Protein backbone atom coordinates (compact mmCIF):
# COMPACT_ATOMS: atom_id res chain seq x y z
CA MET A 1 45.68 26.69 -56.10
CA GLN A 2 44.69 27.80 -52.63
CA ALA A 3 41.04 28.21 -51.79
CA PRO A 4 39.94 31.77 -51.35
CA PRO A 5 39.77 33.04 -47.76
CA SER A 6 36.00 33.33 -48.02
CA ARG A 7 35.77 29.56 -48.47
CA TYR A 8 37.82 28.91 -45.32
CA ARG A 9 35.63 31.38 -43.51
CA ARG A 10 32.47 29.53 -44.53
CA MET A 11 33.97 26.16 -43.46
CA LEU A 12 34.92 27.60 -40.07
CA VAL A 13 31.44 29.05 -39.56
CA ASN A 14 29.77 25.74 -40.50
CA CYS A 15 32.08 23.83 -38.13
CA ARG A 16 31.21 26.18 -35.28
CA ARG A 17 27.49 25.86 -36.00
CA THR A 18 27.73 22.06 -36.00
CA ARG A 19 29.62 22.06 -32.71
CA HIS A 20 27.07 24.44 -31.19
CA LYS A 21 24.19 22.18 -32.27
CA ARG A 22 25.93 19.14 -30.78
CA ARG A 23 26.41 20.95 -27.49
CA LEU A 24 22.69 21.67 -27.37
CA LEU A 25 22.18 17.88 -27.04
CA VAL A 26 23.70 18.12 -23.57
CA ILE A 27 20.67 20.04 -22.30
CA PRO A 28 18.04 17.25 -22.74
CA ILE A 29 20.50 14.68 -21.36
CA LEU A 30 21.12 16.69 -18.19
CA PHE A 31 17.41 17.49 -17.89
CA THR A 32 16.50 13.80 -18.05
CA ILE A 33 19.06 12.93 -15.36
CA PHE A 34 17.80 15.78 -13.17
CA VAL A 35 14.16 14.71 -13.49
CA TRP A 36 14.90 11.06 -12.68
CA GLU A 37 17.08 11.88 -9.69
CA PHE A 38 14.61 14.28 -8.08
CA ALA A 39 11.28 12.88 -9.26
CA GLY A 40 12.08 9.29 -10.24
CA HIS A 41 10.47 7.85 -7.12
CA TRP A 42 7.17 9.52 -7.98
CA ILE A 43 7.45 8.46 -11.62
CA TRP A 44 8.12 4.86 -10.53
CA PHE A 45 4.96 4.70 -8.43
CA VAL A 46 2.69 6.49 -10.96
CA GLY A 47 1.49 3.28 -12.59
CA ILE A 48 1.37 1.25 -9.37
CA SER A 49 -1.89 0.73 -7.56
CA VAL A 50 -2.30 -1.06 -4.24
CA GLU A 51 -5.37 -2.92 -3.05
CA PRO A 52 -7.18 -1.13 -0.22
CA ARG A 53 -6.66 -2.29 3.33
CA ALA A 54 -8.48 -5.53 4.10
CA LYS A 55 -11.57 -5.22 6.30
CA ASP A 56 -11.00 -4.98 10.08
CA CYS A 57 -7.22 -5.17 9.61
CA VAL A 58 -4.28 -3.03 10.58
CA ARG A 59 -1.90 -2.27 7.71
CA LEU A 60 1.81 -2.44 8.40
CA LEU A 61 4.44 -0.97 6.10
CA VAL A 62 7.45 -3.24 6.59
CA VAL A 63 10.92 -1.88 5.78
CA ALA A 64 13.64 -4.52 5.97
CA ASP A 65 17.40 -4.02 6.25
CA PRO A 66 17.83 -0.37 5.23
CA GLN A 67 21.41 -0.50 6.60
CA ILE A 68 22.29 3.14 6.07
CA GLN A 69 26.00 3.40 5.33
CA GLY A 70 28.58 4.75 7.73
CA PHE A 71 32.17 5.94 7.35
CA ARG A 72 34.30 2.89 8.11
CA HIS A 73 33.41 0.69 5.14
CA GLU A 74 32.88 3.39 2.54
CA PRO A 75 35.65 4.86 0.35
CA PRO A 76 37.37 8.03 1.59
CA PRO A 77 36.05 11.41 0.43
CA PRO A 78 35.04 12.56 -2.07
CA LEU A 79 33.92 9.15 -3.42
CA GLY A 80 32.59 7.99 -0.04
CA THR A 81 30.57 11.17 0.31
CA VAL A 82 28.95 10.48 -3.06
CA THR A 83 28.18 6.81 -2.31
CA ARG A 84 26.56 7.66 1.03
CA TRP A 85 24.58 10.50 -0.52
CA ASP A 86 23.29 8.21 -3.27
CA ALA A 87 22.34 5.38 -0.89
CA TYR A 88 20.63 7.76 1.53
CA GLY A 89 18.73 9.48 -1.27
CA TYR A 90 17.48 6.19 -2.73
CA LEU A 91 16.23 4.90 0.61
CA LYS A 92 14.59 8.14 1.70
CA SER A 93 12.88 8.84 -1.62
CA TYR A 94 11.41 5.39 -2.23
CA VAL A 95 10.44 4.58 1.36
CA LEU A 96 8.63 7.91 1.83
CA ALA A 97 6.92 7.60 -1.56
CA GLY A 98 5.94 4.03 -0.70
CA PHE A 99 4.52 5.24 2.61
CA LYS A 100 2.24 7.69 0.80
CA LEU A 101 1.18 4.95 -1.63
CA VAL A 102 0.45 2.30 1.01
CA GLN A 103 -0.98 4.60 3.72
CA PRO A 104 -0.30 2.24 6.65
CA GLU A 105 -1.34 2.56 10.28
CA ARG A 106 2.14 1.61 11.48
CA VAL A 107 5.67 1.46 10.04
CA VAL A 108 7.94 -1.41 11.02
CA PHE A 109 11.73 -1.35 10.52
CA LEU A 110 12.82 -4.98 10.75
CA GLY A 111 16.38 -4.60 11.97
CA ASP A 112 19.78 -3.73 10.51
CA LEU A 113 18.82 -0.09 10.53
CA LEU A 114 22.50 0.84 10.39
CA ASP A 115 25.33 -0.76 8.46
CA GLU A 116 28.02 -0.07 11.06
CA GLY A 117 25.95 0.26 14.23
CA SER A 118 27.63 -2.59 16.08
CA GLU A 119 31.13 -1.31 15.18
CA ALA A 120 30.52 2.37 15.84
CA ASP A 121 31.62 4.24 18.93
CA ASP A 122 29.01 6.26 20.80
CA ALA A 123 29.58 9.45 18.80
CA GLU A 124 29.35 7.65 15.47
CA PHE A 125 26.24 5.74 16.55
CA SER A 126 24.56 8.99 17.63
CA TYR A 127 25.32 10.54 14.25
CA TYR A 128 24.02 7.49 12.35
CA ALA A 129 20.83 7.44 14.43
CA TYR A 130 20.38 11.18 13.86
CA THR A 131 20.80 10.64 10.12
CA PHE A 132 18.30 7.78 10.18
CA HIS A 133 15.64 9.85 11.94
CA ARG A 134 16.19 12.74 9.53
CA MET A 135 15.65 10.39 6.60
CA PHE A 136 12.46 8.90 8.06
CA PRO A 137 11.03 11.64 10.31
CA TRP A 138 8.29 10.76 12.76
CA SER A 139 6.34 13.82 11.60
CA VAL A 140 5.97 12.25 8.13
CA MET A 141 5.91 8.57 9.11
CA PRO A 142 4.27 8.32 12.56
CA HIS A 143 3.88 5.18 14.70
CA GLN A 144 7.28 3.66 13.94
CA THR A 145 8.49 0.41 15.47
CA PHE A 146 12.17 -0.55 15.44
CA VAL A 147 13.58 -4.07 15.66
CA ALA A 148 17.28 -4.49 16.47
CA GLY A 149 19.47 -6.39 14.00
CA ASP A 150 22.94 -7.86 14.28
CA ASN A 151 24.40 -4.84 12.48
CA ASP A 152 22.83 -2.64 15.16
CA ILE A 153 23.75 -4.46 18.39
CA GLY A 154 26.24 -7.15 17.33
CA GLY A 155 26.11 -10.90 17.69
CA GLU A 156 27.88 -12.19 14.60
CA GLY A 157 31.60 -12.92 14.33
CA TYR A 158 33.73 -11.02 16.82
CA GLU A 159 31.00 -8.48 17.52
CA ARG A 160 29.49 -9.69 20.76
CA MET A 161 25.94 -8.62 21.64
CA THR A 162 26.74 -6.61 24.74
CA TRP A 163 24.58 -4.86 27.30
CA ASP A 164 26.08 -1.48 26.34
CA ARG A 165 25.15 -1.93 22.70
CA VAL A 166 21.62 -2.96 23.63
CA GLU A 167 21.16 0.07 25.90
CA ARG A 168 22.57 2.36 23.23
CA PHE A 169 20.07 1.06 20.68
CA ALA A 170 17.23 1.54 23.17
CA LYS A 171 18.33 5.11 23.82
CA HIS A 172 18.26 6.13 20.14
CA PHE A 173 15.45 3.91 18.87
CA ARG A 174 13.41 1.61 21.16
CA PRO A 175 14.01 -1.21 23.65
CA ILE A 176 14.97 -4.44 21.91
CA ASN A 177 11.87 -6.19 23.30
CA GLY A 178 8.41 -4.69 23.56
CA ASN A 179 4.83 -4.66 22.43
CA VAL A 180 2.18 -2.19 21.32
CA SER A 181 -1.54 -2.49 20.62
CA ALA A 182 -2.90 -1.71 17.18
CA ASN A 183 -6.21 -0.02 16.45
CA ASN A 184 -8.03 -3.31 15.81
CA GLY A 185 -6.92 -4.88 19.10
CA LEU A 186 -3.97 -6.77 17.62
CA SER A 187 -0.86 -7.02 19.78
CA ILE A 188 2.37 -6.24 17.89
CA VAL A 189 5.32 -7.81 19.69
CA TRP A 190 9.01 -7.46 18.84
CA VAL A 191 11.66 -9.68 20.36
CA ASN A 192 15.44 -9.93 20.13
CA SER A 193 15.32 -13.55 18.97
CA MET A 194 19.05 -13.44 18.14
CA ALA A 195 19.75 -13.71 21.86
CA LEU A 196 17.92 -17.06 21.89
CA SER A 197 19.95 -18.54 19.06
CA GLY A 198 23.22 -20.35 19.59
CA ARG A 199 24.56 -18.79 16.40
CA TYR A 200 24.76 -15.29 17.90
CA GLN A 201 27.08 -14.31 20.74
CA ALA A 202 24.98 -12.61 23.37
CA GLU A 203 25.98 -11.74 26.90
CA PRO A 204 23.97 -13.65 29.55
CA ALA A 205 22.32 -10.41 30.70
CA VAL A 206 21.07 -9.71 27.17
CA LYS A 207 19.62 -13.20 26.83
CA GLU A 208 18.00 -12.92 30.25
CA LEU A 209 16.44 -9.59 29.24
CA THR A 210 14.66 -11.31 26.33
CA THR A 211 13.56 -14.42 28.22
CA THR A 212 12.24 -12.28 31.07
CA PHE A 213 10.18 -10.19 28.66
CA ILE A 214 8.70 -13.33 27.06
CA ASP A 215 7.81 -14.86 30.43
CA GLU A 216 6.22 -11.65 31.72
CA TYR A 217 4.22 -11.26 28.52
CA ALA A 218 3.02 -14.86 28.84
CA LYS A 219 1.98 -14.30 32.48
CA ALA A 220 0.04 -11.17 31.58
CA ALA A 221 -1.70 -13.00 28.73
CA ALA A 222 -2.57 -15.92 31.01
CA ALA A 223 -4.04 -13.57 33.60
CA ALA A 224 -6.23 -11.81 31.04
CA LYS A 225 -9.76 -12.97 30.45
CA ALA A 226 -10.36 -15.13 27.40
CA GLU A 227 -12.43 -12.44 25.68
CA THR A 228 -9.68 -9.80 26.16
CA ARG A 229 -6.72 -12.03 25.36
CA ARG A 230 -5.04 -10.83 22.19
CA ALA A 231 -3.36 -12.73 19.40
CA SER A 232 -0.09 -11.24 18.24
CA VAL A 233 2.09 -10.70 15.22
CA LEU A 234 5.74 -11.25 16.09
CA LEU A 235 8.52 -9.05 14.69
CA THR A 236 12.07 -10.42 14.70
CA HIS A 237 15.16 -9.68 12.67
CA VAL A 238 16.29 -13.24 12.00
CA PRO A 239 14.00 -16.01 10.69
CA LEU A 240 12.79 -18.47 13.31
CA GLN A 241 14.43 -21.32 11.43
CA GLU A 242 17.69 -20.15 13.01
CA LEU A 243 16.27 -21.08 16.43
CA SER A 244 16.01 -24.56 17.87
CA HIS A 245 12.64 -26.29 17.69
CA ASP A 246 12.05 -26.04 21.44
CA VAL A 247 12.85 -22.30 21.56
CA ARG A 248 10.68 -21.66 18.51
CA ARG A 249 7.77 -23.61 20.00
CA ASP A 250 7.99 -21.77 23.34
CA LEU A 251 8.23 -18.40 21.61
CA VAL A 252 5.14 -19.04 19.49
CA SER A 253 3.03 -20.47 22.30
CA LYS A 254 3.93 -17.95 25.01
CA LEU A 255 3.39 -14.93 22.76
CA HIS A 256 0.18 -16.33 21.17
CA VAL A 257 1.67 -15.84 17.73
CA ASN A 258 -0.12 -16.50 14.44
CA THR A 259 2.14 -14.48 12.12
CA ILE A 260 5.88 -13.78 12.18
CA LEU A 261 7.59 -11.05 10.14
CA THR A 262 11.36 -11.38 9.70
CA ALA A 263 14.19 -10.01 7.54
CA HIS A 264 18.00 -10.58 7.52
CA VAL A 265 18.28 -12.72 4.35
CA HIS A 266 17.22 -9.82 2.04
CA CYS A 267 14.87 -11.96 -0.09
CA LEU A 268 11.21 -12.88 0.01
CA GLY A 269 10.29 -16.13 1.73
CA ILE A 270 7.07 -17.61 3.09
CA VAL A 271 7.24 -20.46 5.60
CA ALA A 272 4.60 -22.41 7.52
CA HIS A 273 5.84 -23.58 10.92
CA PRO A 274 3.75 -26.45 12.35
CA ARG A 275 3.33 -25.69 16.04
CA ASP A 276 4.21 -29.19 17.22
CA SER A 277 6.48 -30.43 14.44
CA ARG A 278 10.14 -29.90 13.64
CA GLN A 279 9.46 -29.80 9.91
CA ALA A 280 8.68 -26.41 8.34
CA ARG A 281 7.07 -26.09 4.93
CA LEU A 282 8.90 -23.60 2.74
CA ALA A 283 7.00 -21.98 -0.10
CA THR A 284 9.83 -21.46 -2.59
CA SER A 285 7.88 -21.17 -5.82
CA GLU A 286 6.84 -17.55 -5.30
CA HIS A 287 10.31 -16.58 -4.12
CA ILE A 288 11.94 -18.03 -7.24
CA ARG A 289 9.36 -16.53 -9.58
CA TRP A 290 9.69 -13.07 -8.07
CA ALA A 291 13.48 -13.10 -7.75
CA SER A 292 13.87 -14.12 -11.39
CA GLY A 293 12.73 -10.69 -12.52
CA LEU A 294 8.98 -10.26 -12.17
CA TRP A 295 8.82 -6.49 -11.77
CA SER A 296 5.17 -6.08 -10.91
CA VAL A 297 3.27 -5.71 -7.67
CA MET A 298 2.51 -9.06 -6.04
CA THR A 299 -0.67 -9.22 -3.96
CA PHE A 300 -1.71 -12.27 -1.96
CA ASP A 301 -5.04 -12.48 -0.27
CA HIS A 302 -5.45 -14.89 2.62
CA ASP A 303 -6.60 -17.76 0.41
CA SER A 304 -3.93 -17.21 -2.27
CA LEU A 305 -0.91 -17.30 0.05
CA PRO A 306 1.46 -20.20 -0.78
CA CYS A 307 1.18 -21.26 2.89
CA HIS A 308 -1.87 -20.80 5.06
CA HIS A 309 -2.70 -20.09 8.67
CA SER A 310 -4.32 -22.89 10.62
CA ASP A 311 -4.71 -24.01 14.20
CA ASP A 312 -1.63 -26.17 13.65
CA CYS A 313 0.57 -23.73 11.70
CA VAL A 314 2.18 -20.35 12.17
CA LEU A 315 2.96 -18.27 9.08
CA GLU A 316 6.40 -16.67 8.79
CA ILE A 317 7.02 -14.07 6.07
CA THR A 318 10.60 -13.03 5.37
CA VAL A 319 10.56 -9.56 3.85
CA PRO A 320 12.89 -8.44 1.01
CA THR A 321 15.32 -5.60 1.63
CA VAL A 322 14.74 -2.00 0.55
CA SER A 323 18.44 -1.25 -0.06
CA TYR A 324 20.21 -1.73 -3.38
CA ARG A 325 23.49 -2.02 -1.44
CA MET A 326 22.60 -5.48 -0.10
CA GLY A 327 23.76 -7.29 -3.23
CA VAL A 328 20.38 -8.55 -4.40
CA SER A 329 18.71 -7.77 -7.71
CA CYS A 330 15.18 -7.32 -6.33
CA MET A 331 14.32 -4.79 -3.64
CA ALA A 332 10.84 -4.05 -2.36
CA ILE A 333 8.70 -2.43 0.27
CA THR A 334 6.05 -4.64 1.83
CA ALA A 335 2.54 -3.98 3.09
CA VAL A 336 0.91 -6.53 5.40
CA ASP A 337 -2.75 -6.41 6.45
CA VAL A 338 -3.25 -8.30 9.72
CA ASP A 339 -6.58 -8.94 11.46
CA ARG A 340 -7.18 -8.93 15.22
CA ASP A 341 -6.48 -12.68 15.34
CA GLY A 342 -2.94 -12.08 14.07
CA LYS A 343 -3.62 -13.60 10.65
CA VAL A 344 -2.49 -12.08 7.36
CA GLN A 345 -5.45 -11.15 5.18
CA ARG A 346 -3.45 -9.39 2.48
CA LEU A 347 0.26 -9.31 1.59
CA THR A 348 1.52 -6.78 -0.97
CA ILE A 349 5.08 -6.79 -2.33
CA ILE A 350 5.91 -3.55 -4.16
CA PRO A 351 9.17 -3.79 -6.15
CA LEU A 352 11.68 -0.96 -6.22
CA PRO A 353 13.78 -0.05 -9.28
CA PRO A 354 17.35 -1.32 -9.68
CA ARG A 355 20.02 1.27 -9.03
CA TYR A 356 23.32 -0.07 -10.34
CA PRO A 357 22.16 -0.16 -14.01
CA VAL A 358 21.09 3.48 -13.64
CA LEU A 359 24.48 4.45 -12.23
CA LEU A 360 26.19 2.61 -15.11
CA LEU A 361 24.00 4.52 -17.57
CA TYR A 362 25.06 7.77 -15.91
CA LEU A 363 28.73 6.87 -16.51
CA VAL A 364 27.99 6.22 -20.18
CA LEU A 365 26.11 9.52 -20.47
CA ALA A 366 29.00 11.33 -18.76
CA ALA A 367 31.35 9.97 -21.43
CA VAL A 368 28.92 11.07 -24.16
CA ILE A 369 28.69 14.58 -22.69
CA ALA A 370 32.50 14.81 -22.46
CA PHE A 371 32.78 13.79 -26.11
CA ILE A 372 30.19 16.37 -27.18
CA LEU A 373 31.80 19.19 -25.24
CA PHE A 374 35.47 18.59 -25.91
CA CYS A 375 35.68 16.80 -29.27
């Protein structure tokens, strides 16, 4: 016997009500994604507190290897448009939020500002530089210092470090060698140390540009009175361990260096370079502990650093990358408090959230939403 039509009608109404209720689940899912994408950087930093700036120090916010993506190595549109948009948004959101949290006197970009800078033609480079300055505007983040990396001016593989590439970088950012005085009298010096390494292919004119700057800086320091002579913190893209002992020793002595900030390897590292010895002491314990998944702020005061300043040693800190596209699991922004003698009084490593697990979760949620809407 067939069921009466009224029964079929009730079943159909109940089915429609159930489907309508399931579709309502899409709203909180989309709302959660929206909130995280547009306010996640503020949510991430809500529970993070940073120690105040050490006494009589200048605070540097150090941003390593942002490497904003270009067009040549990304997928074609529309996928490439999405990947660039996501990478740009991550970098801009977390670096600007970190700037407000740290409140530094100066911002230092430690090289590899662009992913395809050394490969780009002039028009592409201009567009990438324009994009970079829009992401990190001077009006929001004043007192910026830019160090050139191999992805910006070449040097590795077939990409020779040419005079044209160096001039182009100087036009859109800053000269590859230079110095500026901080508020506390500290001298902040940046040098294209890649030109001094045999590993990187630099034209003779580019190498001469760097050696001339170092010699002129040393002469000016020697001519200054003892009471006005300034210690310096040295900014380079590549770690000094890539240089020969003699070059490293001359660089440290001529520039009156006590602290070196480097990038390039994308991970945290702290090294003590004896001034007159070929043997460097690498502090690996903190690197391993942090890289293994310690997702909390790490703060080192002067006495708690794995390696210490001394009259015989120079401290080199390799800063972790800020970009999730660099293939490492731990990204961070770094705050360094340096006194007028060029010694680190406080080092703060502020971790950034992973991105790829979030993107994978979005794919899963997209499948769930499709099931809710169409099944």
